Amino acid sequence: MESQTPPPVPGGPPPLNPYAAPQAVVADFAPSDTLELAGRGMRLAGAIIDTILLMLLVVPLMFASGFIQMAMRGEQPGFGWSVAMGLAGFAIFLLINGYFLHQSGQTVAKKMLGMRIVDLHGEQPEFFRLVGLRYALMQLIQMVPIAGSVFGLIDVLFIFREDRRCIHDLIAGTRVVLV
């Protein structure tokens, strides 16, 4: 038996066709455009400042632990040493920047230079997203011999995209904007 569709009512909605494709409109998600992206040079300056601050504490630790002396003797540090230094460096990074990342989505350098990390809605990302995805995962990947260094280079080269988001921004769903 065929089902018949009632005739359209003049001036009313069109009759429903149960076999028609859905007509819902799905709007593409677009990041909030009210925030100005931080410039490439400013982000580079921030990365340099953050690295210098980190090295001021990590290098003395490397000397105290004997890591640098071992490398100066030409000895290849074992995997355990590398992991220990990586964890220590990350812990020091969190000591320096953890409070600011949690409070305002900023590292010390981003705070100094007037930048902050936001999600695609312009809101402060969750602390885990910042620390776990944007920083810890990236450091872990970059510890892989050779491939990690290549990945690190490709990551920062993504800054030349129109949206200025590096791979670590894409993974964490973040972007860097001016305050």
Protein backbone atom coordinates (compact mmCIF):
# COMPACT_ATOMS: atom_id res chain seq x y z
CA MET A 1 0.00 0.00 0.00
CA GLU A 2 1.22 3.39 -0.86
CA SER A 3 1.04 6.14 1.65
CA GLN A 4 -0.34 9.33 0.28
CA THR A 5 0.91 12.73 1.30
CA PRO A 6 -1.83 15.25 2.04
CA PRO A 7 -2.05 18.15 -0.41
CA PRO A 8 -0.23 21.34 0.60
CA VAL A 9 -2.22 23.92 2.49
CA PRO A 10 -2.18 27.29 0.71
CA GLY A 11 0.13 29.66 2.64
CA GLY A 12 1.19 26.84 5.00
CA PRO A 13 4.40 24.88 5.33
CA PRO A 14 5.35 22.47 2.58
CA PRO A 15 4.24 18.90 3.14
CA LEU A 16 6.72 16.62 4.95
CA ASN A 17 8.45 13.98 2.89
CA PRO A 18 9.57 11.16 5.18
CA TYR A 19 12.12 10.05 2.56
CA ALA A 20 13.81 13.42 2.08
CA ALA A 21 17.32 14.08 3.31
CA PRO A 22 17.54 16.01 6.59
CA GLN A 23 17.38 19.75 6.11
CA ALA A 24 19.20 20.86 9.28
CA VAL A 25 21.76 23.61 8.84
CA VAL A 26 25.13 22.92 10.41
CA ALA A 27 27.21 26.03 10.88
CA ASP A 28 30.95 25.60 10.59
CA PHE A 29 32.80 26.34 13.81
CA ALA A 30 34.86 29.47 13.54
CA PRO A 31 37.20 30.73 16.27
CA SER A 32 36.23 33.91 18.02
CA ASP A 33 37.49 36.79 15.88
CA THR A 34 37.42 39.38 18.64
CA LEU A 35 40.91 38.45 19.86
CA GLU A 36 44.06 39.55 18.04
CA LEU A 37 46.58 36.80 17.36
CA ALA A 38 50.04 37.30 18.81
CA GLY A 39 52.67 38.03 16.18
CA ARG A 40 55.29 35.50 15.11
CA GLY A 41 58.16 37.67 16.33
CA MET A 42 56.51 38.20 19.68
CA ARG A 43 55.95 34.45 20.09
CA LEU A 44 59.60 33.81 19.17
CA ALA A 45 60.73 36.36 21.76
CA GLY A 46 58.51 34.67 24.35
CA ALA A 47 59.95 31.24 23.55
CA ILE A 48 63.49 32.61 23.88
CA ILE A 49 62.74 34.27 27.23
CA ASP A 50 61.02 31.16 28.60
CA THR A 51 63.97 29.01 27.47
CA ILE A 52 66.54 31.31 29.09
CA LEU A 53 64.58 31.29 32.37
CA LEU A 54 64.36 27.51 32.27
CA MET A 55 68.05 27.09 31.46
CA LEU A 56 69.04 29.32 34.39
CA LEU A 57 67.72 26.56 36.65
CA VAL A 58 68.21 23.41 34.55
CA VAL A 59 71.89 23.89 33.67
CA PRO A 60 73.03 24.10 37.32
CA LEU A 61 70.99 20.95 38.01
CA MET A 62 72.71 19.22 35.10
CA PHE A 63 76.10 20.20 36.51
CA ALA A 64 75.18 19.09 40.03
CA SER A 65 73.92 15.72 38.81
CA GLY A 66 77.07 15.02 36.75
CA PHE A 67 75.10 14.94 33.48
CA ILE A 68 77.19 17.64 31.81
CA GLN A 69 80.49 16.18 33.03
CA MET A 70 79.48 12.84 31.55
CA ALA A 71 78.70 14.48 28.21
CA MET A 72 82.00 16.42 28.30
CA ARG A 73 83.89 13.13 28.71
CA GLY A 74 82.20 11.96 25.53
CA GLU A 75 79.98 9.43 27.29
CA GLN A 76 76.52 8.92 25.89
CA PRO A 77 73.99 9.47 28.69
CA GLY A 78 71.75 6.45 29.05
CA PHE A 79 68.01 6.44 28.52
CA GLY A 80 67.43 6.67 32.27
CA TRP A 81 69.56 9.82 32.54
CA SER A 82 67.76 11.40 29.62
CA VAL A 83 64.34 10.61 31.08
CA ALA A 84 65.41 11.87 34.52
CA MET A 85 66.71 15.15 33.06
CA GLY A 86 63.56 15.52 30.95
CA LEU A 87 61.33 15.01 33.99
CA ALA A 88 63.43 17.37 36.09
CA GLY A 89 63.32 20.00 33.35
CA PHE A 90 59.54 19.64 33.06
CA ALA A 91 59.15 19.90 36.84
CA ILE A 92 61.22 23.09 36.81
CA PHE A 93 59.13 24.42 33.92
CA LEU A 94 56.01 23.83 36.03
CA LEU A 95 57.63 25.49 39.05
CA ILE A 96 58.34 28.59 36.99
CA ASN A 97 55.14 28.71 34.92
CA GLY A 98 52.53 26.42 36.51
CA TYR A 99 50.82 29.08 38.61
CA PHE A 100 50.53 31.53 35.71
CA LEU A 101 49.35 28.83 33.30
CA HIS A 102 46.66 27.83 35.79
CA GLN A 103 45.58 31.39 36.62
CA SER A 104 45.73 33.12 33.25
CA GLY A 105 46.99 30.78 30.52
CA GLN A 106 50.38 32.49 30.45
CA THR A 107 54.01 31.59 30.92
CA VAL A 108 56.31 34.15 32.53
CA ALA A 109 57.41 35.40 29.10
CA LYS A 110 53.85 35.57 27.76
CA LYS A 111 52.90 37.60 30.83
CA MET A 112 55.87 39.95 30.28
CA LEU A 113 55.06 40.40 26.57
CA GLY A 114 51.28 40.72 26.88
CA MET A 115 50.21 37.39 25.37
CA ARG A 116 48.10 34.52 26.64
CA ILE A 117 46.99 31.08 25.52
CA VAL A 118 43.28 30.63 24.84
CA ASP A 119 41.11 27.89 23.39
CA LEU A 120 39.28 28.33 20.10
CA HIS A 121 36.39 30.03 21.88
CA GLY A 122 38.71 32.66 23.36
CA GLU A 123 38.45 31.17 26.85
CA GLN A 124 41.25 30.01 29.11
CA PRO A 125 41.90 26.32 28.39
CA GLU A 126 41.80 23.69 31.09
CA PHE A 127 45.10 23.32 32.95
CA PHE A 128 45.47 19.68 31.80
CA ARG A 129 45.08 20.70 28.17
CA LEU A 130 47.83 23.28 28.54
CA VAL A 131 50.24 21.20 30.55
CA GLY A 132 49.41 17.72 29.30
CA LEU A 133 48.85 18.27 25.60
CA ARG A 134 50.58 21.53 24.77
CA TYR A 135 53.76 21.00 26.79
CA ALA A 136 54.24 17.46 28.23
CA LEU A 137 53.19 15.54 25.12
CA MET A 138 55.35 17.73 22.93
CA GLN A 139 58.38 17.27 25.19
CA LEU A 140 57.82 13.52 25.19
CA ILE A 141 57.64 13.39 21.39
CA GLN A 142 60.78 15.51 21.07
CA MET A 143 62.74 13.07 23.26
CA VAL A 144 62.57 10.45 20.48
CA PRO A 145 66.03 10.40 18.86
CA ILE A 146 66.22 12.12 15.44
CA ALA A 147 62.47 11.90 14.69
CA GLY A 148 61.72 14.05 17.75
CA SER A 149 64.05 16.79 16.56
CA VAL A 150 62.51 16.73 13.08
CA PHE A 151 59.04 16.87 14.61
CA GLY A 152 60.09 19.81 16.82
CA LEU A 153 61.28 21.72 13.76
CA ILE A 154 58.08 21.00 11.85
CA ASP A 155 56.05 22.01 14.92
CA VAL A 156 57.54 25.51 15.06
CA LEU A 157 57.43 25.96 11.28
CA PHE A 158 53.63 25.68 11.47
CA ILE A 159 53.72 29.25 12.88
CA PHE A 160 53.84 30.43 9.25
CA ARG A 161 50.28 29.24 8.63
CA GLU A 162 47.65 31.94 8.33
CA ASP A 163 46.19 31.12 11.77
CA ARG A 164 49.71 31.10 13.34
CA ARG A 165 48.97 27.86 15.18
CA CYS A 166 51.84 25.41 15.64
CA ILE A 167 51.29 21.66 15.88
CA HIS A 168 51.23 21.92 19.67
CA ASP A 169 48.39 24.47 19.34
CA LEU A 170 46.49 22.17 16.98
CA ILE A 171 46.86 19.19 19.33
CA ALA A 172 45.75 21.17 22.39
CA GLY A 173 43.08 23.19 20.59
CA THR A 174 44.73 26.46 21.57
CA ARG A 175 46.01 29.69 20.05
CA VAL A 176 48.12 32.56 21.37
CA VAL A 177 46.52 36.00 21.47
CA LEU A 178 47.37 39.45 22.73
CA VAL A 179 46.03 40.39 26.14
